C-alpha atoms as a PDB file:
ATOM      1  CA  MET A   1      28.872  -5.801  24.411  1.00  0.00           C
ATOM      2  CA  GLY A   2      26.558  -4.511  21.738  1.00  0.00           C
ATOM      3  CA  SER A   3      23.046  -3.438  22.567  1.00  0.00           C
ATOM      4  CA  ALA A   4      20.077  -5.286  21.147  1.00  0.00           C
ATOM      5  CA  VAL A   5      17.596  -3.323  19.071  1.00  0.00           C
ATOM      6  CA  SER A   6      13.974  -3.956  19.959  1.00  0.00           C
ATOM      7  CA  GLU A   7      11.011  -3.432  17.673  1.00  0.00           C
ATOM      8  CA  PHE A   8      10.182  -0.348  19.761  1.00  0.00           C
ATOM      9  CA  ASP A   9      13.467   1.296  18.731  1.00  0.00           C
ATOM     10  CA  LEU A  10      12.576   1.119  15.041  1.00  0.00           C
ATOM     11  CA  PRO A  11      10.557   3.799  13.265  1.00  0.00           C
ATOM     12  CA  PRO A  12       6.853   2.858  13.055  1.00  0.00           C
ATOM     13  CA  ALA A  13       6.652   3.319   9.295  1.00  0.00           C
ATOM     14  CA  SER A  14       8.933   4.104   6.404  1.00  0.00           C
ATOM     15  CA  GLY A  15       6.375   5.944   4.301  1.00  0.00           C
ATOM     16  CA  ARG A  16       4.730   9.296   4.858  1.00  0.00           C
ATOM     17  CA  PHE A  17       1.837  11.405   3.696  1.00  0.00           C
ATOM     18  CA  ASP A  18       2.586  14.304   1.377  1.00  0.00           C
ATOM     19  CA  GLY A  19      -0.765  16.049   1.523  1.00  0.00           C
ATOM     20  CA  VAL A  20      -3.295  13.321   0.732  1.00  0.00           C
ATOM     21  CA  GLU A  21      -0.821  11.161  -1.168  1.00  0.00           C
ATOM     22  CA  HIS A  22       1.121   8.481   0.659  1.00  0.00           C
ATOM     23  CA  VAL A  23       4.743   8.126  -0.508  1.00  0.00           C
ATOM     24  CA  PHE A  24       6.550   4.842   0.186  1.00  0.00           C
ATOM     25  CA  PRO A  25      10.205   4.316  -0.794  1.00  0.00           C
ATOM     26  CA  VAL A  26      11.338   1.013  -2.319  1.00  0.00           C
ATOM     27  CA  ARG A  27      14.812  -0.119  -3.336  1.00  0.00           C
ATOM     28  CA  VAL A  28      15.088  -2.790  -6.045  1.00  0.00           C
ATOM     29  CA  TYR A  29      17.156  -5.750  -4.862  1.00  0.00           C
ATOM     30  CA  PHE A  30      18.559  -8.640  -6.869  1.00  0.00           C
ATOM     31  CA  GLU A  31      15.760 -10.911  -5.589  1.00  0.00           C
ATOM     32  CA  ASP A  32      13.196  -8.561  -7.196  1.00  0.00           C
ATOM     33  CA  THR A  33      14.579  -9.014 -10.702  1.00  0.00           C
ATOM     34  CA  ASP A  34      14.164 -11.695 -13.334  1.00  0.00           C
ATOM     35  CA  LEU A  35      16.695 -13.297 -15.667  1.00  0.00           C
ATOM     36  CA  SER A  36      16.765 -10.187 -17.874  1.00  0.00           C
ATOM     37  CA  GLY A  37      17.684  -7.919 -14.930  1.00  0.00           C
ATOM     38  CA  VAL A  38      14.390  -6.037 -14.686  1.00  0.00           C
ATOM     39  CA  VAL A  39      11.845  -6.187 -11.893  1.00  0.00           C
ATOM     40  CA  TYR A  40       9.657  -9.264 -12.291  1.00  0.00           C
ATOM     41  CA  HIS A  41       6.083  -8.143 -13.011  1.00  0.00           C
ATOM     42  CA  ALA A  42       4.519  -9.742  -9.899  1.00  0.00           C
ATOM     43  CA  ASN A  43       6.945  -7.928  -7.598  1.00  0.00           C
ATOM     44  CA  TYR A  44       5.281  -4.606  -8.385  1.00  0.00           C
ATOM     45  CA  LEU A  45       2.224  -6.051  -6.620  1.00  0.00           C
ATOM     46  CA  ARG A  46       4.405  -6.773  -3.568  1.00  0.00           C
ATOM     47  CA  PHE A  47       5.741  -3.210  -3.581  1.00  0.00           C
ATOM     48  CA  MET A  48       2.169  -1.880  -3.766  1.00  0.00           C
ATOM     49  CA  GLU A  49       0.930  -4.186  -1.009  1.00  0.00           C
ATOM     50  CA  ARG A  50       3.653  -2.931   1.326  1.00  0.00           C
ATOM     51  CA  ALA A  51       2.798   0.658   0.441  1.00  0.00           C
ATOM     52  CA  ARG A  52      -0.942   0.125   1.071  1.00  0.00           C
ATOM     53  CA  SER A  53      -0.244  -1.509   4.438  1.00  0.00           C
ATOM     54  CA  ASP A  54       2.060   1.355   5.384  1.00  0.00           C
ATOM     55  CA  MET A  55      -0.501   3.930   4.214  1.00  0.00           C
ATOM     56  CA  LEU A  56      -3.139   2.366   6.454  1.00  0.00           C
ATOM     57  CA  ARG A  57      -0.744   2.325   9.401  1.00  0.00           C
ATOM     58  CA  CYS A  58       0.164   5.998   8.815  1.00  0.00           C
ATOM     59  CA  ALA A  59      -3.555   6.854   8.677  1.00  0.00           C
ATOM     60  CA  GLY A  60      -4.070   5.255  12.094  1.00  0.00           C
ATOM     61  CA  ILE A  61      -5.773   2.080  10.861  1.00  0.00           C
ATOM     62  CA  ASP A  62      -4.722  -0.972  12.861  1.00  0.00           C
ATOM     63  CA  GLN A  63      -5.355  -3.967  10.593  1.00  0.00           C
ATOM     64  CA  ARG A  64      -3.640  -6.376  12.949  1.00  0.00           C
ATOM     65  CA  ALA A  65      -5.878  -5.467  15.906  1.00  0.00           C
ATOM     66  CA  ALA A  66      -9.004  -5.835  13.749  1.00  0.00           C
ATOM     67  CA  HIS A  67      -7.824  -9.233  12.542  1.00  0.00           C
ATOM     68  CA  GLU A  68      -6.914 -10.434  16.032  1.00  0.00           C
ATOM     69  CA  ALA A  69     -10.293  -9.223  17.370  1.00  0.00           C
ATOM     70  CA  GLY A  70     -12.067 -11.240  14.657  1.00  0.00           C
ATOM     71  CA  GLU A  71     -13.591  -8.112  13.097  1.00  0.00           C
ATOM     72  CA  GLY A  72     -12.220  -8.703   9.616  1.00  0.00           C
ATOM     73  CA  VAL A  73      -9.506  -7.860   7.152  1.00  0.00           C
ATOM     74  CA  TYR A  74      -9.011  -6.125   3.844  1.00  0.00           C
ATOM     75  CA  VAL A  75      -8.698  -8.281   0.753  1.00  0.00           C
ATOM     76  CA  VAL A  76      -7.944  -7.195  -2.791  1.00  0.00           C
ATOM     77  CA  ARG A  77     -11.233  -7.684  -4.603  1.00  0.00           C
ATOM     78  CA  ASN A  78     -10.133  -6.232  -7.901  1.00  0.00           C
ATOM     79  CA  ILE A  79      -6.944  -4.836  -9.400  1.00  0.00           C
ATOM     80  CA  ALA A  80      -6.215  -3.341 -12.808  1.00  0.00           C
ATOM     81  CA  ILE A  81      -2.518  -2.830 -13.502  1.00  0.00           C
ATOM     82  CA  ARG A  82      -0.662  -1.170 -16.348  1.00  0.00           C
ATOM     83  CA  TYR A  83       3.072  -1.576 -16.906  1.00  0.00           C
ATOM     84  CA  VAL A  84       4.716   1.397 -18.605  1.00  0.00           C
ATOM     85  CA  ALA A  85       8.492   1.068 -18.156  1.00  0.00           C
ATOM     86  CA  PRO A  86      10.824  -1.371 -16.356  1.00  0.00           C
ATOM     87  CA  ALA A  87      12.666  -0.867 -13.089  1.00  0.00           C
ATOM     88  CA  ARG A  88      16.132  -2.368 -12.670  1.00  0.00           C
ATOM     89  CA  LEU A  89      18.467  -3.575  -9.962  1.00  0.00           C
ATOM     90  CA  ASP A  90      19.300  -0.916  -7.330  1.00  0.00           C
ATOM     91  CA  ASP A  91      16.730   1.589  -8.624  1.00  0.00           C
ATOM     92  CA  ALA A  92      15.279   3.855  -5.953  1.00  0.00           C
ATOM     93  CA  LEU A  93      11.517   3.834  -6.450  1.00  0.00           C
ATOM     94  CA  VAL A  94       8.539   5.351  -4.692  1.00  0.00           C
ATOM     95  CA  VAL A  95       5.027   3.995  -4.561  1.00  0.00           C
ATOM     96  CA  VAL A  96       2.547   6.877  -4.484  1.00  0.00           C
ATOM     97  CA  SER A  97      -0.897   5.873  -3.196  1.00  0.00           C
ATOM     98  CA  ARG A  98      -4.124   7.870  -3.393  1.00  0.00           C
ATOM     99  CA  VAL A  99      -7.495   7.043  -1.878  1.00  0.00           C
ATOM    100  CA  LEU A 100      -9.975   7.564  -4.720  1.00  0.00           C
ATOM    101  CA  ARG A 101     -13.228   6.515  -3.072  1.00  0.00           C
ATOM    102  CA  VAL A 102     -14.448   5.198   0.260  1.00  0.00           C
ATOM    103  CA  ARG A 103     -17.558   3.056   0.475  1.00  0.00           C
ATOM    104  CA  ALA A 104     -19.205   1.265   3.389  1.00  0.00           C
ATOM    105  CA  ALA A 105     -17.336  -2.004   2.823  1.00  0.00           C
ATOM    106  CA  ALA A 106     -14.503  -1.056   0.476  1.00  0.00           C
ATOM    107  CA  VAL A 107     -11.919   1.515  -0.477  1.00  0.00           C
ATOM    108  CA  ASP A 108     -10.560   2.288  -3.959  1.00  0.00           C
ATOM    109  CA  ILE A 109      -6.871   3.178  -4.117  1.00  0.00           C
ATOM    110  CA  GLN A 110      -4.735   4.251  -7.061  1.00  0.00           C
ATOM    111  CA  GLN A 111      -1.066   3.348  -6.814  1.00  0.00           C
ATOM    112  CA  ARG A 112       1.801   4.493  -9.016  1.00  0.00           C
ATOM    113  CA  VAL A 113       5.332   3.141  -8.952  1.00  0.00           C
ATOM    114  CA  MET A 114       7.691   5.973  -9.909  1.00  0.00           C
ATOM    115  CA  ARG A 115      11.412   6.442 -10.535  1.00  0.00           C
ATOM    116  CA  ASN A 116      12.636  10.047 -10.472  1.00  0.00           C
ATOM    117  CA  GLY A 117       9.163  11.278 -11.435  1.00  0.00           C
ATOM    118  CA  GLU A 118       8.772   8.741 -14.276  1.00  0.00           C
ATOM    119  CA  LEU A 119       5.711   6.491 -14.154  1.00  0.00           C
ATOM    120  CA  LEU A 120       6.696   2.810 -14.310  1.00  0.00           C
ATOM    121  CA  THR A 121       3.519   1.041 -13.232  1.00  0.00           C
ATOM    122  CA  GLN A 122       0.011   2.113 -12.236  1.00  0.00           C
ATOM    123  CA  ALA A 123      -2.723   0.093 -10.548  1.00  0.00           C
ATOM    124  CA  ASP A 124      -6.289   0.750  -9.485  1.00  0.00           C
ATOM    125  CA  VAL A 125      -7.059  -1.401  -6.444  1.00  0.00           C
ATOM    126  CA  GLU A 126     -10.370  -2.177  -4.794  1.00  0.00           C
ATOM    127  CA  ALA A 127      -9.792  -3.366  -1.228  1.00  0.00           C
ATOM    128  CA  ALA A 128     -12.892  -4.888   0.369  1.00  0.00           C
ATOM    129  CA  PHE A 129     -13.343  -5.383   4.097  1.00  0.00           C
ATOM    130  CA  VAL A 130     -14.472  -8.933   4.855  1.00  0.00           C
ATOM    131  CA  THR A 131     -15.329 -11.036   7.907  1.00  0.00           C
ATOM    132  CA  PRO A 132     -13.069 -13.922   8.937  1.00  0.00           C
ATOM    133  CA  GLN A 133     -15.472 -16.107   6.928  1.00  0.00           C
ATOM    134  CA  GLY A 134     -14.850 -14.035   3.792  1.00  0.00           C
ATOM    135  CA  ARG A 135     -18.160 -12.150   3.622  1.00  0.00           C
ATOM    136  CA  ALA A 136     -18.221  -8.439   2.879  1.00  0.00           C
ATOM    137  CA  ARG A 137     -18.969  -6.260   5.869  1.00  0.00           C
ATOM    138  CA  ARG A 138     -18.897  -2.580   6.716  1.00  0.00           C
ATOM    139  CA  GLN A 139     -15.442  -1.376   7.593  1.00  0.00           C
ATOM    140  CA  PRO A 140     -15.075   0.159  11.052  1.00  0.00           C
ATOM    141  CA  ARG A 141     -16.554   3.656  11.271  1.00  0.00           C
ATOM    142  CA  GLU A 142     -13.246   5.045  12.573  1.00  0.00           C
ATOM    143  CA  TRP A 143     -11.502   3.743   9.451  1.00  0.00           C
ATOM    144  CA  VAL A 144     -13.982   5.423   7.120  1.00  0.00           C
ATOM    145  CA  GLU A 145     -13.500   8.639   9.109  1.00  0.00           C
ATOM    146  CA  ALA A 146      -9.708   8.284   8.734  1.00  0.00           C
ATOM    147  CA  PHE A 147     -10.056   7.860   4.955  1.00  0.00           C
ATOM    148  CA  VAL A 148     -12.459  10.727   4.257  1.00  0.00           C
ATOM    149  CA  PRO A 149      -9.889  13.553   4.585  1.00  0.00           C
ATOM    150  CA  LEU A 150      -7.475  11.534   2.422  1.00  0.00           C
ATOM    151  CA  VAL A 151      -9.762  11.177  -0.614  1.00  0.00           C
ATOM    152  CA  TRP A 152      -8.048  12.534  -3.715  1.00  0.00           C
ATOM    153  CA  LYS A 153      -9.968  15.451  -5.172  1.00  0.00           C
ATOM    154  CA  GLY A 154      -7.881  15.692  -8.350  1.00  0.00           C
ATOM    155  CA  ASN A 155      -6.618  18.809 -10.009  1.00  0.00           C
END
C-alpha cells in the first residue's frame, strides 16, 4: 500500500528570498499559452499573483489568518505592466519581486518575469490593505515590520 501525502509533508513555499528580492520559479504549461504558442498576456498576472502570495508567506505574513479573523486582505489597487518579450511552452521562468515602498495601508512591489536573465515582463503593483467591507485600513504593525528590512534600496 502506498502512503498518503498530507499537506504537512509538502514544502511550505516554492520561492525564496535572495537578499531582499523574492525569487519564485514558474514553468510554462500548455494551459498558459494562446493559439500562437506564447504565454497569454493575462497569465503573467497570475504568475505575479502567485509570487506575491509566496513572498508574503516567506516573509511571515499570514494573509489567510488575517482574512479568517476579519481583519482584512490585500487587494491590487493599481498595476502598471510592460510586456517586453514572449515566454513559450515549457519555458522555465522566475518572478523576481521587490518591495519598493511600505506605507500605513499599502505596499508597492515591483515584479519582473525573467527567463535566463532576460526581462520578459515588468509590473509595478500597489497592494492596499482593506477591511472586509473594502475600506482602506492600516496593515498590521507586524506586517509593516516584516516589510521594512525587505525594502529595495537600489544600486
